[in-house]
């Protein structure tokens, strides 16, 4: 989609006039169907507030390279690099991301503005179209070590084979018979209208989700006024995601690192459940910790420190 010509600033808010004379904020998005659907959710909110919100779609490096695992080609940053460039160059005014796909380190000039309410955070099992029984003689299509470790705890006999591509590409490969099953995020399937493909939900106790799973994140450019989005953001979901991201960041968790975190709000407190895997000794540990909802990052760091110490000492936690 071609860029929209620049029109200047007013009161720190990027101003452009569309045909109806409304303020315009262009949304940078990956061009996959799921990414577009998610960006359109934010666009509809903006339009309800009188702001035109055309999408500026692009294929990222991570979308182009599908024959290698992410950890071998640069990690999650490959899914945001082009979107970051578009923001910096003024070709877009904000970006919409799945929070779980956002790198832990965010550039200071492109701050995270806030987080959406949370869709279903669970991971799910998906069988080939028309199948009701899981054929475990075939590998599970999965490239996430976080999912592999936890699924093997539940089903020690399963094997895995890497799978890349967007959700629809993965489902096509499954239905062609390449895999016995896939493990995917419930949120993505539901947003795509594919909830009927779900064969089994894994509770967060059985399989801890990726940090930020089910939550959208909006990223902007430093110095701009995005106050029109204030009511879109969910403070409780934001606190949960900040705790989860702090946990992963403290453990230096990258895209393929088998680290997981999931927080729940319980009154004025957060309960955070996490998984840490040690590349050094091959052990993993799960634990839960609660703390004030007003201090989500501190909670994430504390649980990370406890799990890391437990794995090193081979002691149980929580």
C-alpha atoms as a PDB file:
ATOM      1  CA  UNK A   1       0.000   0.000   0.000  1.00  0.00           C
ATOM      2  CA  UNK A   2       1.551   3.365  -0.966  1.00  0.00           C
ATOM      3  CA  UNK A   3       2.467   5.773   1.796  1.00  0.00           C
ATOM      4  CA  UNK A   4       0.285   8.758   2.603  1.00  0.00           C
ATOM      5  CA  UNK A   5       1.986  12.167   2.037  1.00  0.00           C
ATOM      6  CA  UNK A   6       3.188  13.943   5.165  1.00  0.00           C
ATOM      7  CA  UNK A   7       1.185  16.935   6.349  1.00  0.00           C
ATOM      8  CA  UNK A   8       2.936  18.225   9.464  1.00  0.00           C
ATOM      9  CA  UNK A   9       2.314  18.569  13.188  1.00  0.00           C
ATOM     10  CA  UNK A  10      -0.133  20.454  15.397  1.00  0.00           C
ATOM     11  CA  UNK A  11       0.027  20.423  19.209  1.00  0.00           C
ATOM     12  CA  UNK A  12       2.378  17.464  19.011  1.00  0.00           C
ATOM     13  CA  UNK A  13      -0.277  15.348  17.267  1.00  0.00           C
ATOM     14  CA  UNK A  14       0.520  14.142  13.751  1.00  0.00           C
ATOM     15  CA  UNK A  15      -2.122  15.736  11.552  1.00  0.00           C
ATOM     16  CA  UNK A  16      -3.318  14.746   8.110  1.00  0.00           C
ATOM     17  CA  UNK A  17      -6.632  15.511   6.474  1.00  0.00           C
ATOM     18  CA  UNK A  18      -8.560  12.807   4.709  1.00  0.00           C
ATOM     19  CA  UNK A  19     -11.476  13.300   2.372  1.00  0.00           C
ATOM     20  CA  UNK A  20     -13.866  13.835   5.296  1.00  0.00           C
ATOM     21  CA  UNK A  21     -11.554  16.350   6.948  1.00  0.00           C
ATOM     22  CA  UNK A  22     -10.811  14.053   9.896  1.00  0.00           C
ATOM     23  CA  UNK A  23      -7.486  13.567  11.597  1.00  0.00           C
ATOM     24  CA  UNK A  24      -5.629  10.556  10.201  1.00  0.00           C
ATOM     25  CA  UNK A  25      -3.342   8.051  11.899  1.00  0.00           C
ATOM     26  CA  UNK A  26      -1.814   5.457   9.578  1.00  0.00           C
ATOM     27  CA  UNK A  27      -1.362   1.991  11.101  1.00  0.00           C
ATOM     28  CA  UNK A  28       1.672  -0.049  10.118  1.00  0.00           C
ATOM     29  CA  UNK A  29       0.905  -3.767   9.933  1.00  0.00           C
ATOM     30  CA  UNK A  30       2.374  -7.018   8.705  1.00  0.00           C
ATOM     31  CA  UNK A  31       0.386  -8.141   5.683  1.00  0.00           C
ATOM     32  CA  UNK A  32      -0.691 -11.562   7.007  1.00  0.00           C
ATOM     33  CA  UNK A  33      -4.430 -12.031   7.411  1.00  0.00           C
ATOM     34  CA  UNK A  34      -4.183 -12.269  11.202  1.00  0.00           C
ATOM     35  CA  UNK A  35      -1.999  -9.161  11.481  1.00  0.00           C
ATOM     36  CA  UNK A  36      -4.437  -7.206   9.311  1.00  0.00           C
ATOM     37  CA  UNK A  37      -7.433  -8.361  11.376  1.00  0.00           C
ATOM     38  CA  UNK A  38      -5.656  -7.274  14.553  1.00  0.00           C
ATOM     39  CA  UNK A  39      -4.698  -3.904  13.105  1.00  0.00           C
ATOM     40  CA  UNK A  40      -8.275  -3.409  11.928  1.00  0.00           C
ATOM     41  CA  UNK A  41      -9.440  -3.843  15.529  1.00  0.00           C
ATOM     42  CA  UNK A  42      -7.439  -0.755  16.486  1.00  0.00           C
ATOM     43  CA  UNK A  43      -8.503   1.029  13.292  1.00  0.00           C
ATOM     44  CA  UNK A  44     -12.191   0.546  14.114  1.00  0.00           C
ATOM     45  CA  UNK A  45     -11.656   2.041  17.550  1.00  0.00           C
ATOM     46  CA  UNK A  46      -9.904   5.083  16.075  1.00  0.00           C
ATOM     47  CA  UNK A  47     -12.608   5.528  13.469  1.00  0.00           C
ATOM     48  CA  UNK A  48     -15.240   5.448  16.227  1.00  0.00           C
ATOM     49  CA  UNK A  49     -13.396   8.437  17.678  1.00  0.00           C
ATOM     50  CA  UNK A  50     -13.442  10.350  14.392  1.00  0.00           C
ATOM     51  CA  UNK A  51      -9.907   9.434  13.312  1.00  0.00           C
ATOM     52  CA  UNK A  52      -9.244   7.948   9.891  1.00  0.00           C
ATOM     53  CA  UNK A  53      -6.947   4.929  10.259  1.00  0.00           C
ATOM     54  CA  UNK A  54      -5.789   3.444   6.941  1.00  0.00           C
ATOM     55  CA  UNK A  55      -3.488   0.424   7.104  1.00  0.00           C
ATOM     56  CA  UNK A  56       0.023   0.508   5.671  1.00  0.00           C
ATOM     57  CA  UNK A  57       0.836  -3.175   5.188  1.00  0.00           C
ATOM     58  CA  UNK A  58       4.248  -4.672   4.538  1.00  0.00           C
ATOM     59  CA  UNK A  59       5.987  -8.044   4.438  1.00  0.00           C
ATOM     60  CA  UNK A  60       8.673  -8.270   7.116  1.00  0.00           C
ATOM     61  CA  UNK A  61      11.955 -10.163   6.886  1.00  0.00           C
ATOM     62  CA  UNK A  62      10.554 -12.748   9.301  1.00  0.00           C
ATOM     63  CA  UNK A  63       7.619 -13.337   6.943  1.00  0.00           C
ATOM     64  CA  UNK A  64       9.919 -13.813   3.959  1.00  0.00           C
ATOM     65  CA  UNK A  65      12.359 -16.362   5.415  1.00  0.00           C
ATOM     66  CA  UNK A  66      10.396 -19.539   6.136  1.00  0.00           C
ATOM     67  CA  UNK A  67      12.981 -22.296   5.691  1.00  0.00           C
ATOM     68  CA  UNK A  68      14.901 -21.651   8.921  1.00  0.00           C
ATOM     69  CA  UNK A  69      13.945 -21.329  12.580  1.00  0.00           C
ATOM     70  CA  UNK A  70      13.775 -17.814  13.992  1.00  0.00           C
ATOM     71  CA  UNK A  71      16.705 -18.292  16.360  1.00  0.00           C
ATOM     72  CA  UNK A  72      18.930 -18.983  13.338  1.00  0.00           C
ATOM     73  CA  UNK A  73      17.918 -15.838  11.426  1.00  0.00           C
ATOM     74  CA  UNK A  74      17.716 -13.152  14.087  1.00  0.00           C
ATOM     75  CA  UNK A  75      14.726 -13.774  16.345  1.00  0.00           C
ATOM     76  CA  UNK A  76      11.558 -11.757  16.843  1.00  0.00           C
ATOM     77  CA  UNK A  77      13.151  -8.515  15.724  1.00  0.00           C
ATOM     78  CA  UNK A  78      12.764  -9.687  12.128  1.00  0.00           C
ATOM     79  CA  UNK A  79       8.987  -9.262  12.446  1.00  0.00           C
ATOM     80  CA  UNK A  80       9.173  -5.624  13.531  1.00  0.00           C
ATOM     81  CA  UNK A  81      12.213  -4.206  11.722  1.00  0.00           C
ATOM     82  CA  UNK A  82      10.303  -2.962   8.681  1.00  0.00           C
ATOM     83  CA  UNK A  83       7.474  -1.643  10.847  1.00  0.00           C
ATOM     84  CA  UNK A  84       9.999   0.271  12.974  1.00  0.00           C
ATOM     85  CA  UNK A  85      11.556   1.789   9.842  1.00  0.00           C
ATOM     86  CA  UNK A  86       8.142   2.913   8.591  1.00  0.00           C
ATOM     87  CA  UNK A  87       7.410   4.586  11.939  1.00  0.00           C
ATOM     88  CA  UNK A  88      10.757   6.391  12.036  1.00  0.00           C
ATOM     89  CA  UNK A  89      10.478   7.561   8.437  1.00  0.00           C
ATOM     90  CA  UNK A  90       6.924   8.869   8.877  1.00  0.00           C
ATOM     91  CA  UNK A  91       5.344   6.371   6.498  1.00  0.00           C
ATOM     92  CA  UNK A  92       3.157   5.169   9.375  1.00  0.00           C
ATOM     93  CA  UNK A  93       2.079   6.744  12.672  1.00  0.00           C
ATOM     94  CA  UNK A  94       1.687   3.691  14.876  1.00  0.00           C
ATOM     95  CA  UNK A  95       2.189  -0.076  14.706  1.00  0.00           C
ATOM     96  CA  UNK A  96       0.005  -2.888  16.035  1.00  0.00           C
ATOM     97  CA  UNK A  97       1.739  -6.037  17.254  1.00  0.00           C
ATOM     98  CA  UNK A  98       0.850  -9.285  18.952  1.00  0.00           C
ATOM     99  CA  UNK A  99       2.529  -8.672  22.302  1.00  0.00           C
ATOM    100  CA  UNK A 100       4.031 -12.158  22.305  1.00  0.00           C
ATOM    101  CA  UNK A 101       5.871 -11.360  19.043  1.00  0.00           C
ATOM    102  CA  UNK A 102       7.409  -8.132  20.319  1.00  0.00           C
ATOM    103  CA  UNK A 103      11.139  -8.218  21.188  1.00  0.00           C
ATOM    104  CA  UNK A 104      11.956  -7.655  24.847  1.00  0.00           C
ATOM    105  CA  UNK A 105      14.068  -4.598  24.095  1.00  0.00           C
ATOM    106  CA  UNK A 106      12.083  -1.707  22.615  1.00  0.00           C
ATOM    107  CA  UNK A 107      13.784   1.384  21.066  1.00  0.00           C
ATOM    108  CA  UNK A 108      13.436   4.522  23.206  1.00  0.00           C
ATOM    109  CA  UNK A 109      12.259   6.544  20.207  1.00  0.00           C
ATOM    110  CA  UNK A 110       9.437   4.046  19.464  1.00  0.00           C
ATOM    111  CA  UNK A 111       7.709   3.585  22.841  1.00  0.00           C
ATOM    112  CA  UNK A 112       4.990   1.085  23.680  1.00  0.00           C
ATOM    113  CA  UNK A 113       1.813   3.127  24.070  1.00  0.00           C
ATOM    114  CA  UNK A 114      -0.384   0.527  25.728  1.00  0.00           C
ATOM    115  CA  UNK A 115      -2.013  -2.893  25.604  1.00  0.00           C
ATOM    116  CA  UNK A 116      -5.452  -4.147  24.559  1.00  0.00           C
ATOM    117  CA  UNK A 117      -7.728  -6.298  26.666  1.00  0.00           C
ATOM    118  CA  UNK A 118      -6.734  -9.951  26.592  1.00  0.00           C
ATOM    119  CA  UNK A 119      -8.247 -12.499  24.231  1.00  0.00           C
ATOM    120  CA  UNK A 120      -8.100 -16.184  25.259  1.00  0.00           C
ATOM    121  CA  UNK A 121      -4.423 -16.676  26.251  1.00  0.00           C
ATOM    122  CA  UNK A 122      -4.361 -20.481  26.029  1.00  0.00           C
ATOM    123  CA  UNK A 123      -2.448 -22.711  23.635  1.00  0.00           C
ATOM    124  CA  UNK A 124      -4.509 -25.305  21.781  1.00  0.00           C
ATOM    125  CA  UNK A 125      -4.122 -28.560  19.899  1.00  0.00           C
ATOM    126  CA  UNK A 126      -5.312 -28.586  16.284  1.00  0.00           C
ATOM    127  CA  UNK A 127      -5.854 -31.835  14.351  1.00  0.00           C
ATOM    128  CA  UNK A 128      -6.051 -32.297  10.568  1.00  0.00           C
ATOM    129  CA  UNK A 129      -9.386 -31.314   9.083  1.00  0.00           C
ATOM    130  CA  UNK A 130     -11.940 -34.073   9.640  1.00  0.00           C
ATOM    131  CA  UNK A 131      -9.865 -35.957  12.224  1.00  0.00           C
ATOM    132  CA  UNK A 132     -11.168 -36.655  15.707  1.00  0.00           C
ATOM    133  CA  UNK A 133      -8.259 -38.806  16.933  1.00  0.00           C
ATOM    134  CA  UNK A 134      -4.704 -37.534  17.366  1.00  0.00           C
ATOM    135  CA  UNK A 135      -2.254 -39.665  15.357  1.00  0.00           C
ATOM    136  CA  UNK A 136       0.814 -39.466  17.582  1.00  0.00           C
ATOM    137  CA  UNK A 137       2.896 -41.543  15.178  1.00  0.00           C
ATOM    138  CA  UNK A 138       3.263 -38.347  13.150  1.00  0.00           C
ATOM    139  CA  UNK A 139       5.256 -35.374  14.435  1.00  0.00           C
ATOM    140  CA  UNK A 140       3.614 -32.356  15.996  1.00  0.00           C
ATOM    141  CA  UNK A 141       4.206 -29.262  13.883  1.00  0.00           C
ATOM    142  CA  UNK A 142       5.901 -26.924  16.325  1.00  0.00           C
ATOM    143  CA  UNK A 143       8.929 -24.619  16.269  1.00  0.00           C
ATOM    144  CA  UNK A 144       8.521 -23.290  19.816  1.00  0.00           C
ATOM    145  CA  UNK A 145      10.769 -24.944  22.378  1.00  0.00           C
ATOM    146  CA  UNK A 146       8.522 -23.499  25.084  1.00  0.00           C
ATOM    147  CA  UNK A 147       5.635 -25.537  23.696  1.00  0.00           C
ATOM    148  CA  UNK A 148       7.773 -28.613  23.019  1.00  0.00           C
ATOM    149  CA  UNK A 149       9.035 -28.878  26.594  1.00  0.00           C
ATOM    150  CA  UNK A 150       5.588 -28.514  28.111  1.00  0.00           C
ATOM    151  CA  UNK A 151       3.806 -30.780  25.621  1.00  0.00           C
ATOM    152  CA  UNK A 152       6.408 -33.493  26.179  1.00  0.00           C
ATOM    153  CA  UNK A 153       5.771 -33.265  29.928  1.00  0.00           C
ATOM    154  CA  UNK A 154       2.116 -34.075  29.140  1.00  0.00           C
ATOM    155  CA  UNK A 155       2.774 -36.588  26.349  1.00  0.00           C
ATOM    156  CA  UNK A 156       6.321 -38.015  26.651  1.00  0.00           C
ATOM    157  CA  UNK A 157       5.989 -40.075  23.467  1.00  0.00           C
ATOM    158  CA  UNK A 158       5.380 -37.189  21.046  1.00  0.00           C
ATOM    159  CA  UNK A 159       7.936 -36.046  18.478  1.00  0.00           C
ATOM    160  CA  UNK A 160       8.231 -32.663  16.790  1.00  0.00           C
ATOM    161  CA  UNK A 161       9.005 -31.156  13.418  1.00  0.00           C
ATOM    162  CA  UNK A 162       9.508 -27.462  12.794  1.00  0.00           C
ATOM    163  CA  UNK A 163       6.779 -25.483  11.065  1.00  0.00           C
ATOM    164  CA  UNK A 164       6.919 -21.849   9.933  1.00  0.00           C
ATOM    165  CA  UNK A 165       4.560 -19.501   8.146  1.00  0.00           C
ATOM    166  CA  UNK A 166       1.376 -17.744   9.156  1.00  0.00           C
ATOM    167  CA  UNK A 167      -1.539 -19.570  10.776  1.00  0.00           C
ATOM    168  CA  UNK A 168      -3.289 -20.375   7.488  1.00  0.00           C
ATOM    169  CA  UNK A 169      -0.058 -21.708   5.943  1.00  0.00           C
ATOM    170  CA  UNK A 170       0.479 -23.956   8.956  1.00  0.00           C
ATOM    171  CA  UNK A 171      -3.075 -25.257   8.801  1.00  0.00           C
ATOM    172  CA  UNK A 172      -2.662 -26.077   5.105  1.00  0.00           C
ATOM    173  CA  UNK A 173       0.486 -28.095   5.872  1.00  0.00           C
ATOM    174  CA  UNK A 174      -1.366 -29.924   8.648  1.00  0.00           C
ATOM    175  CA  UNK A 175      -4.328 -30.751   6.414  1.00  0.00           C
ATOM    176  CA  UNK A 176      -1.972 -32.022   3.703  1.00  0.00           C
ATOM    177  CA  UNK A 177      -0.798 -34.701   6.141  1.00  0.00           C
ATOM    178  CA  UNK A 178       2.657 -33.376   7.021  1.00  0.00           C
ATOM    179  CA  UNK A 179       1.906 -33.415  10.765  1.00  0.00           C
ATOM    180  CA  UNK A 180      -0.281 -35.283  13.235  1.00  0.00           C
ATOM    181  CA  UNK A 181      -1.223 -32.054  14.997  1.00  0.00           C
ATOM    182  CA  UNK A 182      -0.265 -28.420  15.536  1.00  0.00           C
ATOM    183  CA  UNK A 183      -0.022 -26.401  18.723  1.00  0.00           C
ATOM    184  CA  UNK A 184      -1.264 -22.841  18.147  1.00  0.00           C
ATOM    185  CA  UNK A 185      -2.555 -19.884  20.134  1.00  0.00           C
ATOM    186  CA  UNK A 186      -6.306 -19.827  20.739  1.00  0.00           C
ATOM    187  CA  UNK A 187      -6.355 -16.037  20.326  1.00  0.00           C
ATOM    188  CA  UNK A 188      -5.132 -16.127  16.735  1.00  0.00           C
ATOM    189  CA  UNK A 189      -7.557 -18.850  15.684  1.00  0.00           C
ATOM    190  CA  UNK A 190     -10.488 -17.042  17.282  1.00  0.00           C
ATOM    191  CA  UNK A 191      -9.599 -13.724  15.637  1.00  0.00           C
ATOM    192  CA  UNK A 192      -9.424 -15.539  12.287  1.00  0.00           C
ATOM    193  CA  UNK A 193     -12.845 -17.105  12.845  1.00  0.00           C
ATOM    194  CA  UNK A 194     -11.283 -20.582  13.055  1.00  0.00           C
ATOM    195  CA  UNK A 195     -12.312 -21.532  16.581  1.00  0.00           C
ATOM    196  CA  UNK A 196     -13.946 -24.693  15.186  1.00  0.00           C
ATOM    197  CA  UNK A 197     -10.465 -26.052  14.348  1.00  0.00           C
ATOM    198  CA  UNK A 198      -9.560 -26.288  18.036  1.00  0.00           C
ATOM    199  CA  UNK A 199      -9.503 -29.901  19.293  1.00  0.00           C
ATOM    200  CA  UNK A 200      -8.186 -29.345  22.809  1.00  0.00           C
ATOM    201  CA  UNK A 201      -7.438 -26.367  25.042  1.00  0.00           C
ATOM    202  CA  UNK A 202      -4.402 -26.506  27.325  1.00  0.00           C
ATOM    203  CA  UNK A 203      -4.920 -24.717  30.620  1.00  0.00           C
ATOM    204  CA  UNK A 204      -2.222 -22.206  31.623  1.00  0.00           C
ATOM    205  CA  UNK A 205      -1.274 -24.708  34.341  1.00  0.00           C
ATOM    206  CA  UNK A 206      -0.694 -27.445  31.736  1.00  0.00           C
ATOM    207  CA  UNK A 207       1.060 -25.212  29.221  1.00  0.00           C
ATOM    208  CA  UNK A 208       2.130 -21.740  30.287  1.00  0.00           C
ATOM    209  CA  UNK A 209       1.572 -19.329  27.376  1.00  0.00           C
ATOM    210  CA  UNK A 210       4.161 -17.067  25.823  1.00  0.00           C
ATOM    211  CA  UNK A 211       4.554 -13.714  27.567  1.00  0.00           C
ATOM    212  CA  UNK A 212       1.908 -11.351  26.206  1.00  0.00           C
ATOM    213  CA  UNK A 213      -0.124 -14.035  24.439  1.00  0.00           C
ATOM    214  CA  UNK A 214      -3.631 -12.862  23.506  1.00  0.00           C
ATOM    215  CA  UNK A 215      -2.855  -9.159  24.010  1.00  0.00           C
ATOM    216  CA  UNK A 216      -2.278  -6.565  21.284  1.00  0.00           C
ATOM    217  CA  UNK A 217       0.341  -3.873  21.768  1.00  0.00           C
ATOM    218  CA  UNK A 218       0.314  -0.456  20.114  1.00  0.00           C
ATOM    219  CA  UNK A 219       3.668   1.183  19.438  1.00  0.00           C
ATOM    220  CA  UNK A 220       4.171   4.814  18.477  1.00  0.00           C
ATOM    221  CA  UNK A 221       6.764   7.484  17.776  1.00  0.00           C
ATOM    222  CA  UNK A 222       8.244   9.525  20.614  1.00  0.00           C
ATOM    223  CA  UNK A 223       6.892  13.075  20.890  1.00  0.00           C
ATOM    224  CA  UNK A 224       3.481  12.402  19.350  1.00  0.00           C
ATOM    225  CA  UNK A 225       0.185  12.729  21.205  1.00  0.00           C
ATOM    226  CA  UNK A 226      -1.759   9.461  21.120  1.00  0.00           C
ATOM    227  CA  UNK A 227      -4.260  10.366  23.837  1.00  0.00           C
ATOM    228  CA  UNK A 228      -7.129   9.409  21.513  1.00  0.00           C
ATOM    229  CA  UNK A 229      -6.182   5.788  22.307  1.00  0.00           C
ATOM    230  CA  UNK A 230      -6.334   6.117  26.090  1.00  0.00           C
ATOM    231  CA  UNK A 231      -9.708   4.425  26.459  1.00  0.00           C
ATOM    232  CA  UNK A 232      -8.684   1.588  24.144  1.00  0.00           C
ATOM    233  CA  UNK A 233      -5.962   0.399  26.473  1.00  0.00           C
ATOM    234  CA  UNK A 234      -6.661  -2.071  29.302  1.00  0.00           C
ATOM    235  CA  UNK A 235      -4.629  -1.221  32.440  1.00  0.00           C
ATOM    236  CA  UNK A 236      -5.102  -4.674  33.975  1.00  0.00           C
ATOM    237  CA  UNK A 237      -3.929  -6.481  30.841  1.00  0.00           C
ATOM    238  CA  UNK A 238      -1.059  -3.999  30.625  1.00  0.00           C
ATOM    239  CA  UNK A 239       0.060  -4.807  34.171  1.00  0.00           C
ATOM    240  CA  UNK A 240      -0.057  -8.540  33.397  1.00  0.00           C
ATOM    241  CA  UNK A 241       1.997  -8.160  30.226  1.00  0.00           C
ATOM    242  CA  UNK A 242       4.552  -5.931  31.932  1.00  0.00           C
ATOM    243  CA  UNK A 243       5.070  -8.589  34.628  1.00  0.00           C
ATOM    244  CA  UNK A 244       5.392 -11.318  31.995  1.00  0.00           C
ATOM    245  CA  UNK A 245       7.816  -9.337  29.862  1.00  0.00           C
ATOM    246  CA  UNK A 246       9.948  -8.400  32.885  1.00  0.00           C
ATOM    247  CA  UNK A 247      10.204 -12.106  33.784  1.00  0.00           C
ATOM    248  CA  UNK A 248      11.393 -13.040  30.293  1.00  0.00           C
ATOM    249  CA  UNK A 249      13.714 -10.041  30.004  1.00  0.00           C
ATOM    250  CA  UNK A 250      15.393 -10.850  33.330  1.00  0.00           C
ATOM    251  CA  UNK A 251      16.131 -14.355  32.034  1.00  0.00           C
ATOM    252  CA  UNK A 252      17.425 -12.996  28.710  1.00  0.00           C
ATOM    253  CA  UNK A 253      14.658 -14.836  26.916  1.00  0.00           C
ATOM    254  CA  UNK A 254      14.733 -14.408  23.164  1.00  0.00           C
ATOM    255  CA  UNK A 255      12.364 -15.620  20.485  1.00  0.00           C
ATOM    256  CA  UNK A 256      13.145 -19.323  20.732  1.00  0.00           C
ATOM    257  CA  UNK A 257      14.201 -19.475  24.373  1.00  0.00           C
ATOM    258  CA  UNK A 258      12.000 -21.969  26.235  1.00  0.00           C
ATOM    259  CA  UNK A 259      10.717 -19.399  28.723  1.00  0.00           C
ATOM    260  CA  UNK A 260       7.029 -18.762  29.446  1.00  0.00           C
ATOM    261  CA  UNK A 261       5.070 -16.406  31.663  1.00  0.00           C
ATOM    262  CA  UNK A 262       1.409 -15.810  32.404  1.00  0.00           C
ATOM    263  CA  UNK A 263      -0.071 -13.348  34.906  1.00  0.00           C
ATOM    264  CA  UNK A 264      -3.588 -13.053  36.320  1.00  0.00           C
ATOM    265  CA  UNK A 265      -5.122 -10.161  38.199  1.00  0.00           C
ATOM    266  CA  UNK A 266      -6.462 -11.179  41.623  1.00  0.00           C
ATOM    267  CA  UNK A 267      -8.013  -8.112  43.231  1.00  0.00           C
ATOM    268  CA  UNK A 268      -5.200  -5.621  43.721  1.00  0.00           C
ATOM    269  CA  UNK A 269      -2.537  -8.305  43.304  1.00  0.00           C
ATOM    270  CA  UNK A 270      -0.967 -10.125  40.387  1.00  0.00           C
ATOM    271  CA  UNK A 271      -0.306 -13.852  40.314  1.00  0.00           C
ATOM    272  CA  UNK A 272       2.524 -14.726  37.907  1.00  0.00           C
ATOM    273  CA  UNK A 273       3.315 -18.246  36.741  1.00  0.00           C
ATOM    274  CA  UNK A 274       6.544 -18.824  34.866  1.00  0.00           C
ATOM    275  CA  UNK A 275       8.721 -21.472  33.253  1.00  0.00           C
ATOM    276  CA  UNK A 276      12.484 -21.280  32.974  1.00  0.00           C
ATOM    277  CA  UNK A 277      14.733 -23.687  31.073  1.00  0.00           C
ATOM    278  CA  UNK A 278      18.485 -23.763  31.576  1.00  0.00           C
ATOM    279  CA  UNK A 279      20.552 -24.239  28.433  1.00  0.00           C
ATOM    280  CA  UNK A 280      23.449 -25.163  30.731  1.00  0.00           C
ATOM    281  CA  UNK A 281      22.032 -28.227  32.469  1.00  0.00           C
ATOM    282  CA  UNK A 282      18.906 -28.963  30.388  1.00  0.00           C
ATOM    283  CA  UNK A 283      16.570 -28.684  33.382  1.00  0.00           C
ATOM    284  CA  UNK A 284      13.404 -26.641  33.553  1.00  0.00           C
ATOM    285  CA  UNK A 285      11.415 -25.320  36.468  1.00  0.00           C
ATOM    286  CA  UNK A 286       7.917 -23.906  36.914  1.00  0.00           C
ATOM    287  CA  UNK A 287       6.872 -21.605  39.740  1.00  0.00           C
ATOM    288  CA  UNK A 288       4.212 -19.105  40.818  1.00  0.00           C
ATOM    289  CA  UNK A 289       4.547 -15.866  42.747  1.00  0.00           C
ATOM    290  CA  UNK A 290       2.134 -13.065  43.634  1.00  0.00           C
ATOM    291  CA  UNK A 291       2.689  -9.405  44.401  1.00  0.00           C
ATOM    292  CA  UNK A 292       1.149  -5.930  44.211  1.00  0.00           C
ATOM    293  CA  UNK A 293      -0.435  -5.175  40.840  1.00  0.00           C
ATOM    294  CA  UNK A 294       1.152  -1.736  41.083  1.00  0.00           C
ATOM    295  CA  UNK A 295       4.634  -3.298  40.780  1.00  0.00           C
ATOM    296  CA  UNK A 296       4.407  -5.746  37.857  1.00  0.00           C
ATOM    297  CA  UNK A 297       8.021  -5.470  36.717  1.00  0.00           C
ATOM    298  CA  UNK A 298       9.353  -6.149  40.217  1.00  0.00           C
ATOM    299  CA  UNK A 299       7.157  -9.261  40.425  1.00  0.00           C
ATOM    300  CA  UNK A 300       8.495 -10.566  37.122  1.00  0.00           C
ATOM    301  CA  UNK A 301      12.094 -10.008  38.170  1.00  0.00           C
ATOM    302  CA  UNK A 302      11.597 -11.687  41.560  1.00  0.00           C
ATOM    303  CA  UNK A 303      10.049 -14.829  40.060  1.00  0.00           C
ATOM    304  CA  UNK A 304      12.790 -14.984  37.408  1.00  0.00           C
ATOM    305  CA  UNK A 305      15.475 -14.800  40.090  1.00  0.00           C
ATOM    306  CA  UNK A 306      13.788 -17.537  42.140  1.00  0.00           C
ATOM    307  CA  UNK A 307      13.383 -19.926  39.211  1.00  0.00           C
ATOM    308  CA  UNK A 308      16.921 -19.358  37.979  1.00  0.00           C
ATOM    309  CA  UNK A 309      18.296 -20.091  41.455  1.00  0.00           C
ATOM    310  CA  UNK A 310      16.114 -23.184  41.770  1.00  0.00           C
ATOM    311  CA  UNK A 311      17.238 -24.608  38.417  1.00  0.00           C
ATOM    312  CA  UNK A 312      20.882 -24.030  39.292  1.00  0.00           C
ATOM    313  CA  UNK A 313      20.427 -25.653  42.709  1.00  0.00           C
ATOM    314  CA  UNK A 314      18.026 -28.325  41.392  1.00  0.00           C
ATOM    315  CA  UNK A 315      15.427 -27.341  43.997  1.00  0.00           C
ATOM    316  CA  UNK A 316      11.647 -27.082  43.473  1.00  0.00           C
ATOM    317  CA  UNK A 317       9.831 -23.741  43.543  1.00  0.00           C
ATOM    318  CA  UNK A 318       6.223 -22.953  44.405  1.00  0.00           C
END
